[in-house]
Amino acid sequence: MLRPSRHGIALVIRSFFFIARLALAWFGLFLLMALFASVTPGLQYQDPTPLFLICMLVVAYVVTGAFSHVRRVRLIAGHIDRGALHNRQRREIEVPFEAGETFDLLDAAIRELPRVEEIESARDSLQVRAKVRRHNLYGRDREVRDLTGMRGHGRNQIQATVEPGEDSGRIVLICEPEAGAWSDWFRVDGGTNLENAEAIVRAITRRIAERRRNERAAVTRTETEKELAVAKLSLLHAQVEPHFLYNTLASAQYLTRNDPAKADEMLGHLIDFLRKSLPRTEDALSTLGEELDRSRAYLEILKLRMGARLALQIDVPDELRSLPLPPMMLQTLVENAIKHGLEPKPGGGMVWILARRNEQRAAITVADDGLGLNAANSGTGIGLRNVRERLQLVYGDDAQLAVVANFPQGVAATLSVPLARQEETVHG
């Protein structure tokens, strides 16, 4: 034989007392009416039977409505307690966003409710008020009229306030009938305010979860882009262009037989260039001085190969040599100047490497007087695109690469980077 559980017994007791309270309230109201009639002249001798029958019918109607209310609350909440059964619902929601963002979440959640109307939203005071038309739960929608014949109580109302915290917001939400608290002794809301409160909480929770998902996705994308850029940089850092290495070694072999001193000088520059081109640990930054030494070794090799066709001018203040700079950026700009500007030019030309400080920024320019910007020698642009991507990852929007025509001919590429940087950007 199955015995009812303690939970089931408690559920029955709560339901019974809730329904009994409403029935007694109406019964007491009719009892007062009967007492009033008994002492009112002209009503003492009236037959009380019709009033008694009306009282019984009303109480029966109230009991069935209260029973439906209890059943629906249990369907919505999954349990029954005094708070769930009450017509007036209060919620306090902690949101891990600042007050303005929390208010936007709250306002959007209330506006998404079905049948919501008369929304009053005050962002400065962090308050939202709204009315929600109560729908007929078990029949066709029509204007709601209670047992007293009064109109206008077919709506619920919502009042929500955001209490700002240091780094978060706290929502105080109240959902209640559009009637005074006295009406709770005689009427039930069919669980509609419980439904509204739970719907708003769900909407806010969903938006918070969506925000968190978007943040995690953005972090994942950023990490992936960073790893890809670091991989590109490591590959660029580790590789020496085969043609450059082949031509340099071939020139050194030729000079060994004809000019051993120049051959020795060329091999010394090559060793210096290769040493400074060894990959760094992960994505650690280099300095302008180190990058300048690498580019100078590269250009010295080319000067020995190109002879009078290549001239070099460097103007970099000593105070800027310690400036942090992502590796291979300066080298990429120098290679572009040689490959696309001076090598194709019959008479060769000059390369300038300049650095200047301007308040809290540094400008590093690689310029040439070669063939300039044209479709025939512009290349694929992969090197410049890699430089821009690396600048974005290391500095965000605080750094730029500008490539313009040099006057009277050639190209000037300028890196503009901040002098003072946040600690977290040092490791890019």
Protein backbone atom coordinates (compact mmCIF):
# COMPACT_ATOMS: atom_id res chain seq x y z
CA MET A 1 0.00 0.00 0.00
CA LEU A 2 1.42 3.37 -1.07
CA ARG A 3 1.62 6.09 1.56
CA PRO A 4 1.63 9.80 0.67
CA SER A 5 4.98 11.51 1.14
CA ARG A 6 5.56 14.41 3.50
CA HIS A 7 6.02 16.69 0.51
CA GLY A 8 2.66 15.66 -0.91
CA ILE A 9 0.93 16.21 2.44
CA ALA A 10 2.53 19.67 2.77
CA LEU A 11 1.39 20.49 -0.75
CA VAL A 12 -2.20 19.55 0.02
CA ILE A 13 -2.14 21.54 3.26
CA ARG A 14 -0.80 24.70 1.56
CA SER A 15 -3.36 24.43 -1.21
CA PHE A 16 -6.19 23.86 1.24
CA PHE A 17 -5.36 26.86 3.40
CA PHE A 18 -4.91 29.10 0.35
CA ILE A 19 -8.31 28.12 -1.09
CA ALA A 20 -9.96 28.23 2.34
CA ARG A 21 -8.66 31.75 2.97
CA LEU A 22 -10.31 33.07 -0.21
CA ALA A 23 -13.56 31.22 0.50
CA LEU A 24 -13.68 32.56 4.06
CA ALA A 25 -13.01 36.10 2.82
CA TRP A 26 -16.00 35.98 0.50
CA PHE A 27 -18.14 34.19 3.09
CA GLY A 28 -17.26 36.88 5.63
CA LEU A 29 -18.18 39.58 3.12
CA PHE A 30 -21.64 38.07 2.57
CA LEU A 31 -22.04 37.60 6.31
CA LEU A 32 -21.43 41.31 6.83
CA MET A 33 -23.96 42.04 4.10
CA ALA A 34 -26.50 39.82 5.87
CA LEU A 35 -25.88 41.54 9.20
CA PHE A 36 -26.24 44.92 7.53
CA ALA A 37 -29.52 43.82 5.97
CA SER A 38 -30.81 42.58 9.32
CA VAL A 39 -30.41 45.95 10.97
CA THR A 40 -31.48 48.10 8.05
CA PRO A 41 -35.15 49.23 8.13
CA GLY A 42 -37.14 47.76 5.30
CA LEU A 43 -34.79 44.77 4.86
CA GLN A 44 -35.31 42.90 8.15
CA TYR A 45 -38.20 40.84 6.92
CA GLN A 46 -36.78 39.91 3.56
CA ASP A 47 -36.27 36.22 2.90
CA PRO A 48 -32.50 35.48 3.41
CA THR A 49 -32.58 32.41 1.19
CA PRO A 50 -31.69 34.21 -2.11
CA LEU A 51 -28.75 35.94 -0.44
CA PHE A 52 -27.58 32.63 1.00
CA LEU A 53 -27.81 30.92 -2.39
CA ILE A 54 -25.88 33.75 -4.05
CA CYS A 55 -23.26 33.46 -1.32
CA MET A 56 -22.86 29.74 -1.91
CA LEU A 57 -22.59 30.16 -5.69
CA VAL A 58 -19.98 32.89 -5.36
CA VAL A 59 -17.96 30.88 -2.87
CA ALA A 60 -18.14 27.86 -5.18
CA TYR A 61 -16.96 30.01 -8.09
CA VAL A 62 -14.11 31.43 -6.00
CA VAL A 63 -13.06 27.96 -4.85
CA THR A 64 -12.88 26.63 -8.42
CA GLY A 65 -10.92 29.70 -9.53
CA ALA A 66 -8.52 29.33 -6.61
CA PHE A 67 -8.07 25.64 -7.39
CA SER A 68 -7.20 26.51 -11.01
CA HIS A 69 -4.76 29.15 -9.73
CA VAL A 70 -3.01 26.60 -7.51
CA ARG A 71 -2.72 24.06 -10.33
CA ARG A 72 -1.33 26.63 -12.76
CA VAL A 73 1.21 27.96 -10.26
CA ARG A 74 2.42 24.42 -9.76
CA LEU A 75 2.75 23.97 -13.54
CA ILE A 76 4.76 27.20 -13.88
CA ALA A 77 6.98 26.99 -10.80
CA GLY A 78 7.16 23.21 -10.41
CA HIS A 79 6.34 23.60 -6.72
CA ILE A 80 3.89 25.32 -4.42
CA ASP A 81 4.79 27.64 -1.57
CA ARG A 82 3.43 30.84 -0.13
CA GLY A 83 5.62 33.01 -2.36
CA ALA A 84 4.66 31.22 -5.57
CA LEU A 85 0.93 31.31 -4.77
CA HIS A 86 0.91 35.03 -4.05
CA ASN A 87 -0.48 37.46 -6.62
CA ARG A 88 2.49 39.79 -6.09
CA GLN A 89 5.95 38.61 -7.10
CA ARG A 90 9.31 40.15 -6.17
CA ARG A 91 12.69 39.20 -7.65
CA GLU A 92 16.21 40.43 -6.98
CA ILE A 93 18.68 39.70 -9.78
CA GLU A 94 22.42 40.30 -9.63
CA VAL A 95 23.86 41.18 -13.05
CA PRO A 96 27.66 41.25 -13.58
CA PHE A 97 27.50 44.40 -15.74
CA GLU A 98 27.63 48.08 -14.87
CA ALA A 99 24.32 49.82 -14.18
CA GLY A 100 23.81 51.23 -17.69
CA GLU A 101 24.26 47.85 -19.40
CA THR A 102 22.08 46.20 -16.75
CA PHE A 103 19.33 48.73 -17.40
CA ASP A 104 19.51 48.05 -21.16
CA LEU A 105 19.12 44.30 -20.51
CA LEU A 106 16.15 44.92 -18.22
CA ASP A 107 14.42 47.33 -20.58
CA ALA A 108 14.80 44.95 -23.54
CA ALA A 109 13.52 41.98 -21.49
CA ILE A 110 10.36 43.85 -20.43
CA ARG A 111 9.66 45.10 -23.96
CA GLU A 112 9.75 41.50 -25.23
CA LEU A 113 6.87 40.40 -22.96
CA PRO A 114 3.63 39.49 -24.78
CA ARG A 115 0.79 42.01 -24.35
CA VAL A 116 3.03 44.60 -22.76
CA GLU A 117 1.90 48.21 -23.09
CA GLU A 118 2.34 51.69 -21.59
CA ILE A 119 6.06 51.23 -21.05
CA GLU A 120 7.74 54.08 -19.16
CA SER A 121 11.52 53.84 -19.30
CA ALA A 122 13.73 56.32 -17.43
CA ARG A 123 17.40 55.59 -18.00
CA ASP A 124 18.69 58.38 -15.75
CA SER A 125 16.80 57.08 -12.73
CA LEU A 126 17.27 53.43 -13.83
CA GLN A 127 13.55 52.64 -13.61
CA VAL A 128 11.08 50.87 -15.90
CA ARG A 129 7.32 50.70 -15.46
CA ALA A 130 4.89 48.84 -17.70
CA LYS A 131 1.40 47.39 -17.90
CA VAL A 132 0.70 43.87 -19.16
CA ARG A 133 -2.76 42.88 -20.35
CA ARG A 134 -3.90 39.68 -18.68
CA HIS A 135 -5.11 37.15 -21.19
CA ASN A 136 -8.00 34.75 -20.66
CA LEU A 137 -6.27 31.51 -19.74
CA TYR A 138 -9.09 29.12 -20.54
CA GLY A 139 -11.23 30.77 -23.19
CA ARG A 140 -11.57 33.57 -25.71
CA ASP A 141 -9.96 36.89 -24.83
CA ARG A 142 -12.41 39.54 -23.85
CA GLU A 143 -12.51 42.43 -21.44
CA VAL A 144 -11.97 41.02 -17.96
CA ARG A 145 -14.75 41.73 -15.47
CA ASP A 146 -14.49 40.53 -11.88
CA LEU A 147 -17.32 39.43 -9.59
CA THR A 148 -17.96 42.99 -8.44
CA GLY A 149 -18.61 44.08 -12.03
CA MET A 150 -15.67 46.49 -11.97
CA ARG A 151 -13.69 47.01 -15.16
CA GLY A 152 -10.05 47.95 -15.49
CA HIS A 153 -8.49 45.24 -13.30
CA GLY A 154 -7.68 42.96 -16.25
CA ARG A 155 -4.04 44.04 -16.28
CA ASN A 156 -0.89 43.41 -14.34
CA GLN A 157 1.82 45.95 -13.77
CA ILE A 158 5.60 45.78 -13.60
CA GLN A 159 7.95 48.04 -11.70
CA ALA A 160 11.70 47.42 -12.02
CA THR A 161 14.64 49.36 -10.63
CA VAL A 162 18.38 48.95 -11.15
CA GLU A 163 20.55 49.55 -8.10
CA PRO A 164 24.10 50.35 -9.28
CA GLY A 165 27.09 48.67 -7.69
CA GLU A 166 30.82 49.09 -8.14
CA ASP A 167 31.13 46.78 -11.16
CA SER A 168 27.65 45.27 -11.30
CA GLY A 169 23.97 46.07 -11.20
CA ARG A 170 21.19 44.71 -9.02
CA ILE A 171 17.66 44.50 -10.41
CA VAL A 172 14.67 44.75 -8.06
CA LEU A 173 11.62 43.50 -9.97
CA ILE A 174 8.00 43.68 -8.79
CA CYS A 175 5.14 42.10 -10.75
CA GLU A 176 1.62 42.60 -9.33
CA PRO A 177 -2.04 43.09 -10.30
CA GLU A 178 -3.23 46.55 -11.25
CA ALA A 179 -5.23 46.75 -8.02
CA GLY A 180 -4.68 47.47 -4.36
CA ALA A 181 -3.28 44.86 -1.98
CA TRP A 182 -6.76 44.43 -0.41
CA SER A 183 -7.91 42.69 -3.59
CA ASP A 184 -5.62 39.74 -2.85
CA TRP A 185 -8.13 38.59 -0.22
CA PHE A 186 -10.80 38.14 -2.87
CA ARG A 187 -9.12 37.50 -6.21
CA VAL A 188 -6.34 35.44 -7.79
CA ASP A 189 -4.28 36.33 -10.86
CA GLY A 190 -4.08 32.83 -12.32
CA GLY A 191 -0.31 32.80 -11.90
CA THR A 192 0.14 35.54 -14.51
CA ASN A 193 2.43 37.67 -12.36
CA LEU A 194 4.54 34.64 -11.51
CA GLU A 195 4.70 33.96 -15.24
CA ASN A 196 5.75 37.54 -16.01
CA ALA A 197 8.45 37.54 -13.32
CA GLU A 198 9.88 34.22 -14.48
CA ALA A 199 9.79 35.36 -18.13
CA ILE A 200 11.77 38.52 -17.34
CA VAL A 201 14.33 36.56 -15.30
CA ARG A 202 14.71 34.05 -18.15
CA ALA A 203 15.15 36.82 -20.73
CA ILE A 204 17.83 38.56 -18.64
CA THR A 205 19.62 35.26 -17.99
CA ARG A 206 19.54 34.42 -21.70
CA ARG A 207 20.98 37.81 -22.65
CA ILE A 208 23.75 37.51 -20.05
CA ALA A 209 24.62 34.03 -21.35
CA GLU A 210 24.58 35.31 -24.95
CA ARG A 211 26.88 38.18 -23.96
CA ARG A 212 29.27 35.74 -22.29
CA ARG A 213 29.25 33.47 -25.36
CA ASN A 214 30.04 36.41 -27.63
CA GLU A 215 32.88 37.51 -25.33
CA ARG A 216 34.35 33.99 -25.28
CA ALA A 217 34.02 33.75 -29.07
CA ALA A 218 35.75 37.13 -29.47
CA VAL A 219 38.57 36.03 -27.16
CA THR A 220 38.92 32.78 -29.09
CA ARG A 221 39.03 34.66 -32.40
CA THR A 222 41.60 37.09 -31.03
CA GLU A 223 43.78 34.27 -29.70
CA THR A 224 43.51 32.41 -33.01
CA GLU A 225 44.42 35.53 -34.99
CA LYS A 226 47.29 36.22 -32.62
CA GLU A 227 48.64 32.67 -32.92
CA LEU A 228 48.33 32.85 -36.70
CA ALA A 229 50.13 36.19 -36.82
CA VAL A 230 52.86 34.92 -34.50
CA ALA A 231 53.25 31.84 -36.70
CA LYS A 232 53.55 34.06 -39.78
CA LEU A 233 56.06 36.28 -38.02
CA SER A 234 58.11 33.31 -36.80
CA LEU A 235 58.22 31.94 -40.33
CA LEU A 236 59.17 35.34 -41.70
CA HIS A 237 61.72 35.78 -38.94
CA ALA A 238 63.31 32.38 -39.47
CA GLN A 239 63.50 32.40 -43.22
CA VAL A 240 66.17 34.01 -45.37
CA GLU A 241 65.12 34.60 -48.93
CA PRO A 242 66.80 31.84 -50.97
CA HIS A 243 67.67 34.13 -53.86
CA PHE A 244 69.29 36.65 -51.52
CA LEU A 245 71.36 33.95 -49.81
CA TYR A 246 72.32 32.31 -53.13
CA ASN A 247 73.32 35.59 -54.73
CA THR A 248 75.29 36.66 -51.65
CA LEU A 249 77.23 33.39 -51.50
CA ALA A 250 77.86 33.48 -55.24
CA SER A 251 79.16 37.05 -54.95
CA ALA A 252 81.37 36.06 -52.00
CA GLN A 253 82.78 33.16 -54.02
CA TYR A 254 83.58 35.47 -56.90
CA LEU A 255 85.17 38.07 -54.62
CA THR A 256 87.26 35.39 -52.91
CA ARG A 257 89.21 34.98 -56.16
CA ASN A 258 89.26 38.64 -57.20
CA ASP A 259 88.98 40.72 -54.02
CA PRO A 260 89.46 38.65 -50.84
CA ALA A 261 89.08 41.69 -48.56
CA LYS A 262 85.63 42.49 -49.93
CA ALA A 263 84.70 38.81 -49.80
CA ASP A 264 85.65 38.72 -46.13
CA GLU A 265 83.64 41.90 -45.51
CA MET A 266 80.59 40.47 -47.29
CA LEU A 267 80.74 37.21 -45.32
CA GLY A 268 81.04 39.18 -42.09
CA HIS A 269 77.90 41.15 -42.92
CA LEU A 270 76.13 37.90 -43.88
CA ILE A 271 77.05 36.27 -40.58
CA ASP A 272 75.85 39.35 -38.70
CA PHE A 273 72.59 39.37 -40.67
CA LEU A 274 71.95 35.65 -40.09
CA ARG A 275 72.72 35.93 -36.37
CA LYS A 276 70.23 38.75 -35.94
CA SER A 277 67.64 36.84 -37.97
CA LEU A 278 67.46 33.90 -35.55
CA PRO A 279 63.88 33.40 -34.27
CA ARG A 280 63.02 34.96 -30.91
CA THR A 281 61.23 33.26 -28.04
CA GLU A 282 57.53 33.18 -28.92
CA ASP A 283 56.47 36.73 -29.89
CA ALA A 284 58.81 38.83 -27.75
CA LEU A 285 59.47 42.32 -29.04
CA SER A 286 62.77 43.47 -30.47
CA THR A 287 64.08 47.05 -30.34
CA LEU A 288 64.57 49.65 -33.02
CA GLY A 289 68.35 49.40 -32.50
CA GLU A 290 68.40 45.63 -33.07
CA GLU A 291 66.18 45.91 -36.13
CA LEU A 292 68.34 48.73 -37.48
CA ASP A 293 71.50 46.61 -37.09
CA ARG A 294 69.88 43.75 -39.00
CA SER A 295 68.73 46.03 -41.82
CA ARG A 296 72.13 47.73 -41.96
CA ALA A 297 73.86 44.33 -42.36
CA TYR A 298 71.41 43.44 -45.14
CA LEU A 299 72.00 46.75 -46.94
CA GLU A 300 75.79 46.53 -46.56
CA ILE A 301 75.71 43.18 -48.35
CA LEU A 302 73.64 44.68 -51.15
CA LYS A 303 76.01 47.67 -51.40
CA LEU A 304 78.89 45.28 -52.02
CA ARG A 305 76.83 43.53 -54.70
CA MET A 306 75.22 46.61 -56.33
CA GLY A 307 78.21 48.91 -55.92
CA ALA A 308 77.54 52.53 -56.79
CA ARG A 309 73.91 51.71 -57.67
CA LEU A 310 72.99 51.69 -53.98
CA ALA A 311 73.48 54.48 -51.44
CA LEU A 312 72.38 54.41 -47.82
CA GLN A 313 71.58 57.17 -45.35
CA ILE A 314 70.57 56.41 -41.73
CA ASP A 315 69.40 59.05 -39.26
CA VAL A 316 68.15 57.47 -36.02
CA PRO A 317 68.68 59.23 -32.66
CA ASP A 318 70.38 57.11 -29.99
CA GLU A 319 67.51 57.74 -27.58
CA LEU A 320 65.15 55.85 -29.90
CA ARG A 321 67.32 52.75 -30.34
CA SER A 322 65.73 51.19 -27.22
CA LEU A 323 62.20 51.72 -28.55
CA PRO A 324 60.30 48.36 -28.45
CA LEU A 325 59.41 47.24 -31.96
CA PRO A 326 58.00 43.99 -33.36
CA PRO A 327 60.78 42.08 -35.17
CA MET A 328 61.14 42.01 -38.97
CA MET A 329 58.92 45.06 -39.57
CA LEU A 330 61.78 47.39 -40.46
CA GLN A 331 63.43 44.62 -42.47
CA THR A 332 60.25 44.09 -44.49
CA LEU A 333 60.06 47.79 -45.40
CA VAL A 334 63.77 47.84 -46.39
CA GLU A 335 63.38 44.72 -48.56
CA ASN A 336 60.36 46.29 -50.28
CA ALA A 337 62.37 49.43 -51.03
CA ILE A 338 65.17 47.39 -52.63
CA LYS A 339 63.11 44.76 -54.41
CA HIS A 340 60.36 46.99 -55.83
CA GLY A 341 62.11 50.33 -55.96
CA LEU A 342 65.86 50.24 -56.59
CA GLU A 343 66.78 46.84 -58.06
CA PRO A 344 64.51 47.29 -61.13
CA LYS A 345 65.81 50.85 -61.64
CA PRO A 346 68.78 50.90 -64.07
CA GLY A 347 70.72 53.54 -62.19
CA GLY A 348 69.83 52.33 -58.70
CA GLY A 349 69.28 54.95 -56.00
CA MET A 350 69.28 55.70 -52.31
CA VAL A 351 67.56 54.24 -49.24
CA TRP A 352 66.82 56.45 -46.23
CA ILE A 353 66.06 55.12 -42.74
CA LEU A 354 64.85 57.92 -40.48
CA ALA A 355 63.35 58.01 -36.99
CA ARG A 356 61.81 60.96 -35.20
CA ARG A 357 60.07 61.49 -31.88
CA ASN A 358 56.86 63.51 -31.80
CA GLU A 359 55.48 64.01 -28.27
CA GLN A 360 54.44 60.49 -27.16
CA ARG A 361 54.92 58.81 -30.53
CA ALA A 362 57.78 57.71 -32.73
CA ALA A 363 57.78 57.77 -36.54
CA ILE A 364 60.14 55.39 -38.38
CA THR A 365 60.42 55.97 -42.13
CA VAL A 366 62.02 53.85 -44.86
CA ALA A 367 62.15 55.81 -48.11
CA ASP A 368 63.71 55.31 -51.52
CA ASP A 369 63.99 57.20 -54.80
CA GLY A 370 63.26 54.15 -56.93
CA LEU A 371 60.55 53.48 -59.50
CA GLY A 372 57.71 54.45 -57.13
CA LEU A 373 54.17 53.16 -56.85
CA ASN A 374 53.04 51.45 -60.04
CA ALA A 375 51.40 48.19 -61.05
CA ALA A 376 54.54 46.82 -62.69
CA ASN A 377 56.62 46.63 -59.53
CA SER A 378 54.07 46.78 -56.68
CA GLY A 379 54.34 43.08 -55.84
CA THR A 380 51.61 41.13 -54.01
CA GLY A 381 51.49 43.35 -50.90
CA ILE A 382 51.77 40.35 -48.56
CA GLY A 383 54.68 41.88 -46.64
CA LEU A 384 52.88 45.16 -45.96
CA ARG A 385 49.69 43.32 -45.01
CA ASN A 386 51.64 41.23 -42.49
CA VAL A 387 53.13 44.41 -41.02
CA ARG A 388 49.68 45.97 -40.59
CA GLU A 389 48.26 42.80 -38.99
CA ARG A 390 51.15 42.63 -36.56
CA LEU A 391 50.76 46.31 -35.65
CA GLN A 392 47.07 45.75 -34.94
CA LEU A 393 47.76 42.79 -32.66
CA VAL A 394 50.57 44.48 -30.73
CA TYR A 395 49.29 48.07 -30.53
CA GLY A 396 45.61 47.92 -31.49
CA ASP A 397 44.56 51.24 -33.02
CA ASP A 398 47.53 53.09 -31.49
CA ALA A 399 49.89 52.31 -34.38
CA GLN A 400 49.69 52.81 -38.15
CA LEU A 401 51.61 52.10 -41.33
CA ALA A 402 51.41 54.77 -44.04
CA VAL A 403 52.78 54.15 -47.55
CA VAL A 404 52.93 57.22 -49.81
CA ALA A 405 54.76 58.41 -52.88
CA ASN A 406 58.15 60.00 -52.18
CA PHE A 407 59.07 63.30 -53.83
CA PRO A 408 60.27 63.59 -56.54
CA GLN A 409 60.19 59.82 -57.02
CA GLY A 410 60.12 56.61 -55.05
CA VAL A 411 58.12 55.45 -52.03
CA ALA A 412 58.11 56.37 -48.34
CA ALA A 413 56.73 53.90 -45.75
CA THR A 414 56.27 55.22 -42.19
CA LEU A 415 55.60 53.26 -39.02
CA SER A 416 53.96 55.34 -36.29
CA VAL A 417 54.05 53.68 -32.85
CA PRO A 418 53.48 54.91 -29.28
CA LEU A 419 56.45 55.49 -26.98
CA ALA A 420 54.61 54.59 -23.76
CA ARG A 421 52.68 51.31 -23.86
CA GLN A 422 50.63 49.29 -21.43
CA GLU A 423 52.41 46.35 -19.83
CA GLU A 424 49.96 43.85 -21.26
CA THR A 425 50.73 44.90 -24.85
CA VAL A 426 54.46 44.35 -24.49
CA HIS A 427 54.00 40.67 -25.23
CA GLY A 428 51.60 41.40 -28.05
